[in-house]
Amino acid sequence: MKWTSNWQKEIGTIPNLLSIFRVFLLPLYLYFVLEQSFVYAGIVIVISGITDFLDGFIARKFNQMTELGKILDPVADKLTQLVLILSMAWQQPLIWWVLGLFLVKEGFMLIAGMVGLSKNVKLDGAKWYGKLATAVIYGGMVILLLFPKLSETEIKWIFGVIAYSLFQSFILYILEYRRLLK
C-alpha cells in the first residue's frame, strides 16, 4: 500500500472525517467536565456516540471502508473510552479498577493484534461484544454525567455493568484470538 497517496484520498471520506471529529470532541468534553457543566459534557458524549455509529454505518453502506479508517476508528474509540473513564475517576474513585480492566484488555488487544499481524492473521473488524462494551461505557458515563447525585449503590451498579461488559469482551476476544492464531 502506498501510504501517502492512499492517505490523501482516504482522509476525506465521511467515515474518516467523523472519526477525526470524535477525537476533536474530547477536549470539548474535558472542558465541560472541568467546568462541571455535566449536561453539556453528556451531550458531547451522545454526539460522539452517534458519530461513532454513523462512521461505521456509512463506511459499510456506501463502501467507504479504508485502511486509514481501520486505524482511525479504533483509535478514536479507545481514546474516547480512556478519556471518559479517566474523567470520571476524579469524581468516582471506584472507577479506577474499571480503568485497570480497560488497560489490561486493550494491552492484550494490542499485543494479540501485533502477534496476529506477524503471522499474517488479522481480526476482521470489531466484534459485537467489543461494540457492546463501547456502548455500555458511553451509556454508563452519560448516566453518571446527567445524574451526578446518584447514590453510591447506583454508581456501583453502573460501574459493575461497565466492568462486566469489559470483562466479557476481554474473555471473548481472548477466545477469538486463540482461534485465529491456531
C-alpha atoms as a PDB file:
ATOM      1  CA  MET A   1       0.000   0.000   0.000  1.00  0.00           C
ATOM      2  CA  LYS A   2       1.278   3.430  -0.876  1.00  0.00           C
ATOM      3  CA  TRP A   3       0.608   5.151   2.408  1.00  0.00           C
ATOM      4  CA  THR A   4       0.898   8.766   1.265  1.00  0.00           C
ATOM      5  CA  SER A   5      -1.280   8.619  -1.825  1.00  0.00           C
ATOM      6  CA  ASN A   6      -3.915   6.417  -0.190  1.00  0.00           C
ATOM      7  CA  TRP A   7      -3.850   8.523   2.966  1.00  0.00           C
ATOM      8  CA  GLN A   8      -4.515  11.668   0.957  1.00  0.00           C
ATOM      9  CA  LYS A   9      -7.513  10.028  -0.747  1.00  0.00           C
ATOM     10  CA  GLU A  10      -8.816   8.269   2.352  1.00  0.00           C
ATOM     11  CA  ILE A  11      -8.659  11.172   4.815  1.00  0.00           C
ATOM     12  CA  GLY A  12     -11.560  12.950   3.097  1.00  0.00           C
ATOM     13  CA  THR A  13     -14.099  10.151   3.345  1.00  0.00           C
ATOM     14  CA  ILE A  14     -17.075  10.905   5.566  1.00  0.00           C
ATOM     15  CA  PRO A  15     -16.389   7.993   7.961  1.00  0.00           C
ATOM     16  CA  ASN A  16     -12.767   9.084   8.467  1.00  0.00           C
ATOM     17  CA  LEU A  17     -13.789  12.705   8.978  1.00  0.00           C
ATOM     18  CA  LEU A  18     -16.318  11.542  11.583  1.00  0.00           C
ATOM     19  CA  SER A  19     -13.598   9.570  13.409  1.00  0.00           C
ATOM     20  CA  ILE A  20     -11.351  12.635  13.430  1.00  0.00           C
ATOM     21  CA  PHE A  21     -14.284  14.756  14.633  1.00  0.00           C
ATOM     22  CA  ARG A  22     -14.747  12.368  17.592  1.00  0.00           C
ATOM     23  CA  VAL A  23     -11.131  12.918  18.618  1.00  0.00           C
ATOM     24  CA  PHE A  24     -11.621  16.697  18.416  1.00  0.00           C
ATOM     25  CA  LEU A  25     -14.694  16.399  20.653  1.00  0.00           C
ATOM     26  CA  LEU A  26     -12.550  15.102  23.535  1.00  0.00           C
ATOM     27  CA  PRO A  27     -11.045  18.477  24.582  1.00  0.00           C
ATOM     28  CA  LEU A  28     -14.547  19.999  24.470  1.00  0.00           C
ATOM     29  CA  TYR A  29     -15.839  17.162  26.660  1.00  0.00           C
ATOM     30  CA  LEU A  30     -12.979  17.679  29.138  1.00  0.00           C
ATOM     31  CA  TYR A  31     -13.617  21.413  29.210  1.00  0.00           C
ATOM     32  CA  PHE A  32     -17.254  20.828  30.171  1.00  0.00           C
ATOM     33  CA  VAL A  33     -16.284  18.258  32.809  1.00  0.00           C
ATOM     34  CA  LEU A  34     -13.722  20.626  34.341  1.00  0.00           C
ATOM     35  CA  GLU A  35     -16.297  23.433  34.342  1.00  0.00           C
ATOM     36  CA  GLN A  36     -18.763  20.974  35.922  1.00  0.00           C
ATOM     37  CA  SER A  37     -21.171  21.529  33.045  1.00  0.00           C
ATOM     38  CA  PHE A  38     -22.118  17.879  33.121  1.00  0.00           C
ATOM     39  CA  VAL A  39     -25.198  18.182  30.920  1.00  0.00           C
ATOM     40  CA  TYR A  40     -23.071  19.695  28.136  1.00  0.00           C
ATOM     41  CA  ALA A  41     -20.397  17.031  28.669  1.00  0.00           C
ATOM     42  CA  GLY A  42     -23.129  14.393  28.380  1.00  0.00           C
ATOM     43  CA  ILE A  43     -24.394  15.970  25.157  1.00  0.00           C
ATOM     44  CA  VAL A  44     -20.864  15.889  23.709  1.00  0.00           C
ATOM     45  CA  ILE A  45     -20.624  12.177  24.539  1.00  0.00           C
ATOM     46  CA  VAL A  46     -24.013  11.482  22.953  1.00  0.00           C
ATOM     47  CA  ILE A  47     -22.824  13.304  19.799  1.00  0.00           C
ATOM     48  CA  SER A  48     -19.606  11.267  19.898  1.00  0.00           C
ATOM     49  CA  GLY A  49     -21.593   8.041  20.216  1.00  0.00           C
ATOM     50  CA  ILE A  50     -23.845   8.965  17.302  1.00  0.00           C
ATOM     51  CA  THR A  51     -20.868   9.809  15.089  1.00  0.00           C
ATOM     52  CA  ASP A  52     -19.215   6.526  16.155  1.00  0.00           C
ATOM     53  CA  PHE A  53     -22.290   4.638  14.946  1.00  0.00           C
ATOM     54  CA  LEU A  54     -22.555   6.733  11.778  1.00  0.00           C
ATOM     55  CA  ASP A  55     -18.930   6.313  10.681  1.00  0.00           C
ATOM     56  CA  GLY A  56     -19.248   2.523  10.696  1.00  0.00           C
ATOM     57  CA  PHE A  57     -22.706   2.562   9.124  1.00  0.00           C
ATOM     58  CA  ILE A  58     -21.675   4.932   6.328  1.00  0.00           C
ATOM     59  CA  ALA A  59     -18.421   3.067   5.693  1.00  0.00           C
ATOM     60  CA  ARG A  60     -20.261  -0.249   5.217  1.00  0.00           C
ATOM     61  CA  LYS A  61     -23.370   1.077   3.468  1.00  0.00           C
ATOM     62  CA  PHE A  62     -21.526   3.265   0.949  1.00  0.00           C
ATOM     63  CA  ASN A  63     -18.415   1.114   0.563  1.00  0.00           C
ATOM     64  CA  GLN A  64     -16.143   3.735   2.137  1.00  0.00           C
ATOM     65  CA  MET A  65     -14.111   1.348   4.270  1.00  0.00           C
ATOM     66  CA  THR A  66     -10.449   2.354   4.079  1.00  0.00           C
ATOM     67  CA  GLU A  67      -7.169   1.207   5.554  1.00  0.00           C
ATOM     68  CA  LEU A  68      -6.871   4.571   7.286  1.00  0.00           C
ATOM     69  CA  GLY A  69     -10.365   4.159   8.716  1.00  0.00           C
ATOM     70  CA  LYS A  70      -9.421   0.753  10.118  1.00  0.00           C
ATOM     71  CA  ILE A  71      -6.855   2.622  12.215  1.00  0.00           C
ATOM     72  CA  LEU A  72      -8.696   5.906  12.884  1.00  0.00           C
ATOM     73  CA  ASP A  73     -11.965   4.426  14.136  1.00  0.00           C
ATOM     74  CA  PRO A  74     -10.495   2.138  16.810  1.00  0.00           C
ATOM     75  CA  VAL A  75      -8.045   4.845  17.903  1.00  0.00           C
ATOM     76  CA  ALA A  76     -10.939   7.315  18.284  1.00  0.00           C
ATOM     77  CA  ASP A  77     -12.914   4.646  20.186  1.00  0.00           C
ATOM     78  CA  LYS A  78     -10.106   3.824  22.600  1.00  0.00           C
ATOM     79  CA  LEU A  79      -9.156   7.460  23.194  1.00  0.00           C
ATOM     80  CA  THR A  80     -12.779   8.328  23.908  1.00  0.00           C
ATOM     81  CA  GLN A  81     -13.223   5.405  26.288  1.00  0.00           C
ATOM     82  CA  LEU A  82      -9.975   6.213  28.083  1.00  0.00           C
ATOM     83  CA  VAL A  83     -10.866   9.896  28.467  1.00  0.00           C
ATOM     84  CA  LEU A  84     -14.365   9.019  29.710  1.00  0.00           C
ATOM     85  CA  ILE A  85     -13.065   6.600  32.329  1.00  0.00           C
ATOM     86  CA  LEU A  86     -10.246   8.896  33.441  1.00  0.00           C
ATOM     87  CA  SER A  87     -12.502  11.940  33.693  1.00  0.00           C
ATOM     88  CA  MET A  88     -14.878  10.016  35.921  1.00  0.00           C
ATOM     89  CA  ALA A  89     -12.064   8.715  38.128  1.00  0.00           C
ATOM     90  CA  TRP A  90     -11.553  12.122  39.753  1.00  0.00           C
ATOM     91  CA  GLN A  91     -15.147  12.184  40.915  1.00  0.00           C
ATOM     92  CA  GLN A  92     -15.754   8.471  41.391  1.00  0.00           C
ATOM     93  CA  PRO A  93     -12.678   6.696  42.786  1.00  0.00           C
ATOM     94  CA  LEU A  94     -14.367   3.298  42.351  1.00  0.00           C
ATOM     95  CA  ILE A  95     -13.779   3.550  38.619  1.00  0.00           C
ATOM     96  CA  TRP A  96     -10.003   3.078  38.986  1.00  0.00           C
ATOM     97  CA  TRP A  97     -10.426  -0.687  38.917  1.00  0.00           C
ATOM     98  CA  VAL A  98     -12.544  -0.336  35.746  1.00  0.00           C
ATOM     99  CA  LEU A  99      -9.655   1.681  34.287  1.00  0.00           C
ATOM    100  CA  GLY A 100      -7.277  -1.154  35.207  1.00  0.00           C
ATOM    101  CA  LEU A 101      -9.500  -3.709  33.458  1.00  0.00           C
ATOM    102  CA  PHE A 102      -9.770  -1.444  30.408  1.00  0.00           C
ATOM    103  CA  LEU A 103      -5.976  -1.063  30.209  1.00  0.00           C
ATOM    104  CA  VAL A 104      -5.378  -4.815  30.585  1.00  0.00           C
ATOM    105  CA  LYS A 105      -7.961  -5.591  27.889  1.00  0.00           C
ATOM    106  CA  GLU A 106      -6.588  -3.007  25.472  1.00  0.00           C
ATOM    107  CA  GLY A 107      -2.999  -4.068  26.202  1.00  0.00           C
ATOM    108  CA  PHE A 108      -3.971  -7.629  25.350  1.00  0.00           C
ATOM    109  CA  MET A 109      -5.701  -6.472  22.157  1.00  0.00           C
ATOM    110  CA  LEU A 110      -2.598  -4.544  21.100  1.00  0.00           C
ATOM    111  CA  ILE A 111      -0.218  -7.440  21.758  1.00  0.00           C
ATOM    112  CA  ALA A 112      -2.542 -10.044  20.219  1.00  0.00           C
ATOM    113  CA  GLY A 113      -3.027  -7.814  17.183  1.00  0.00           C
ATOM    114  CA  MET A 114       0.738  -7.435  16.706  1.00  0.00           C
ATOM    115  CA  VAL A 115       1.251 -11.196  17.087  1.00  0.00           C
ATOM    116  CA  GLY A 116      -1.539 -11.770  14.582  1.00  0.00           C
ATOM    117  CA  LEU A 117      -0.018  -9.351  12.086  1.00  0.00           C
ATOM    118  CA  SER A 118       3.363 -11.056  12.406  1.00  0.00           C
ATOM    119  CA  LYS A 119       1.618 -14.307  11.434  1.00  0.00           C
ATOM    120  CA  ASN A 120      -0.441 -12.669   8.680  1.00  0.00           C
ATOM    121  CA  VAL A 121      -3.619 -13.131  10.714  1.00  0.00           C
ATOM    122  CA  LYS A 122      -5.852 -10.195  11.431  1.00  0.00           C
ATOM    123  CA  LEU A 123      -9.099  -9.708  13.295  1.00  0.00           C
ATOM    124  CA  ASP A 124     -11.814  -8.831  10.807  1.00  0.00           C
ATOM    125  CA  GLY A 125     -13.162  -5.693  12.487  1.00  0.00           C
ATOM    126  CA  ALA A 126     -14.711  -5.167  15.894  1.00  0.00           C
ATOM    127  CA  LYS A 127     -16.920  -7.935  17.203  1.00  0.00           C
ATOM    128  CA  TRP A 128     -20.391  -7.448  18.681  1.00  0.00           C
ATOM    129  CA  TYR A 129     -19.078  -7.841  22.223  1.00  0.00           C
ATOM    130  CA  GLY A 130     -16.499  -5.086  21.701  1.00  0.00           C
ATOM    131  CA  LYS A 131     -19.193  -2.810  20.299  1.00  0.00           C
ATOM    132  CA  LEU A 132     -21.455  -3.666  23.235  1.00  0.00           C
ATOM    133  CA  ALA A 133     -18.701  -2.806  25.731  1.00  0.00           C
ATOM    134  CA  THR A 134     -18.190   0.528  23.970  1.00  0.00           C
ATOM    135  CA  ALA A 135     -21.925   1.272  24.071  1.00  0.00           C
ATOM    136  CA  VAL A 136     -22.114   0.337  27.764  1.00  0.00           C
ATOM    137  CA  ILE A 137     -19.189   2.643  28.598  1.00  0.00           C
ATOM    138  CA  TYR A 138     -20.811   5.511  26.676  1.00  0.00           C
ATOM    139  CA  GLY A 139     -24.208   4.867  28.260  1.00  0.00           C
ATOM    140  CA  GLY A 140     -22.862   4.499  31.786  1.00  0.00           C
ATOM    141  CA  MET A 141     -20.819   7.658  31.557  1.00  0.00           C
ATOM    142  CA  VAL A 142     -23.712   9.674  30.141  1.00  0.00           C
ATOM    143  CA  ILE A 143     -25.916   8.490  33.027  1.00  0.00           C
ATOM    144  CA  LEU A 144     -23.228   9.460  35.544  1.00  0.00           C
ATOM    145  CA  LEU A 145     -22.832  12.887  33.928  1.00  0.00           C
ATOM    146  CA  LEU A 146     -26.528  13.651  33.648  1.00  0.00           C
ATOM    147  CA  PHE A 147     -27.383  12.377  37.139  1.00  0.00           C
ATOM    148  CA  PRO A 148     -24.436  13.420  39.336  1.00  0.00           C
ATOM    149  CA  LYS A 149     -26.393  12.872  42.563  1.00  0.00           C
ATOM    150  CA  LEU A 150     -26.860   9.109  42.159  1.00  0.00           C
ATOM    151  CA  SER A 151     -26.491   7.033  45.286  1.00  0.00           C
ATOM    152  CA  GLU A 152     -23.315   5.081  45.982  1.00  0.00           C
ATOM    153  CA  THR A 153     -25.230   1.851  45.284  1.00  0.00           C
ATOM    154  CA  GLU A 154     -26.452   3.097  41.889  1.00  0.00           C
ATOM    155  CA  ILE A 155     -22.939   4.203  40.966  1.00  0.00           C
ATOM    156  CA  LYS A 156     -21.572   0.787  41.958  1.00  0.00           C
ATOM    157  CA  TRP A 157     -24.177  -0.898  39.749  1.00  0.00           C
ATOM    158  CA  ILE A 158     -23.227   1.271  36.773  1.00  0.00           C
ATOM    159  CA  PHE A 159     -19.529   0.530  37.293  1.00  0.00           C
ATOM    160  CA  GLY A 160     -20.379  -3.150  37.731  1.00  0.00           C
ATOM    161  CA  VAL A 161     -22.227  -3.260  34.415  1.00  0.00           C
ATOM    162  CA  ILE A 162     -19.346  -1.441  32.687  1.00  0.00           C
ATOM    163  CA  ALA A 163     -16.800  -3.811  34.265  1.00  0.00           C
ATOM    164  CA  TYR A 164     -18.858  -6.870  33.322  1.00  0.00           C
ATOM    165  CA  SER A 165     -19.168  -5.763  29.690  1.00  0.00           C
ATOM    166  CA  LEU A 166     -15.429  -5.028  29.526  1.00  0.00           C
ATOM    167  CA  PHE A 167     -14.581  -8.368  31.120  1.00  0.00           C
ATOM    168  CA  GLN A 168     -16.961 -10.271  28.817  1.00  0.00           C
ATOM    169  CA  SER A 169     -15.451  -8.527  25.805  1.00  0.00           C
ATOM    170  CA  PHE A 170     -11.936  -9.306  27.064  1.00  0.00           C
ATOM    171  CA  ILE A 171     -12.663 -13.027  27.506  1.00  0.00           C
ATOM    172  CA  LEU A 172     -14.423 -13.338  24.146  1.00  0.00           C
ATOM    173  CA  TYR A 173     -11.570 -11.539  22.368  1.00  0.00           C
ATOM    174  CA  ILE A 174      -9.077 -13.900  24.050  1.00  0.00           C
ATOM    175  CA  LEU A 175     -11.061 -16.837  22.672  1.00  0.00           C
ATOM    176  CA  GLU A 176     -11.289 -15.222  19.225  1.00  0.00           C
ATOM    177  CA  TYR A 177      -7.550 -14.552  19.032  1.00  0.00           C
ATOM    178  CA  ARG A 178      -6.849 -18.044  20.306  1.00  0.00           C
ATOM    179  CA  ARG A 179      -8.995 -19.451  17.471  1.00  0.00           C
ATOM    180  CA  LEU A 180      -7.369 -17.174  14.882  1.00  0.00           C
ATOM    181  CA  LEU A 181      -3.800 -17.936  15.940  1.00  0.00           C
ATOM    182  CA  LYS A 182      -4.174 -21.746  15.957  1.00  0.00           C
END
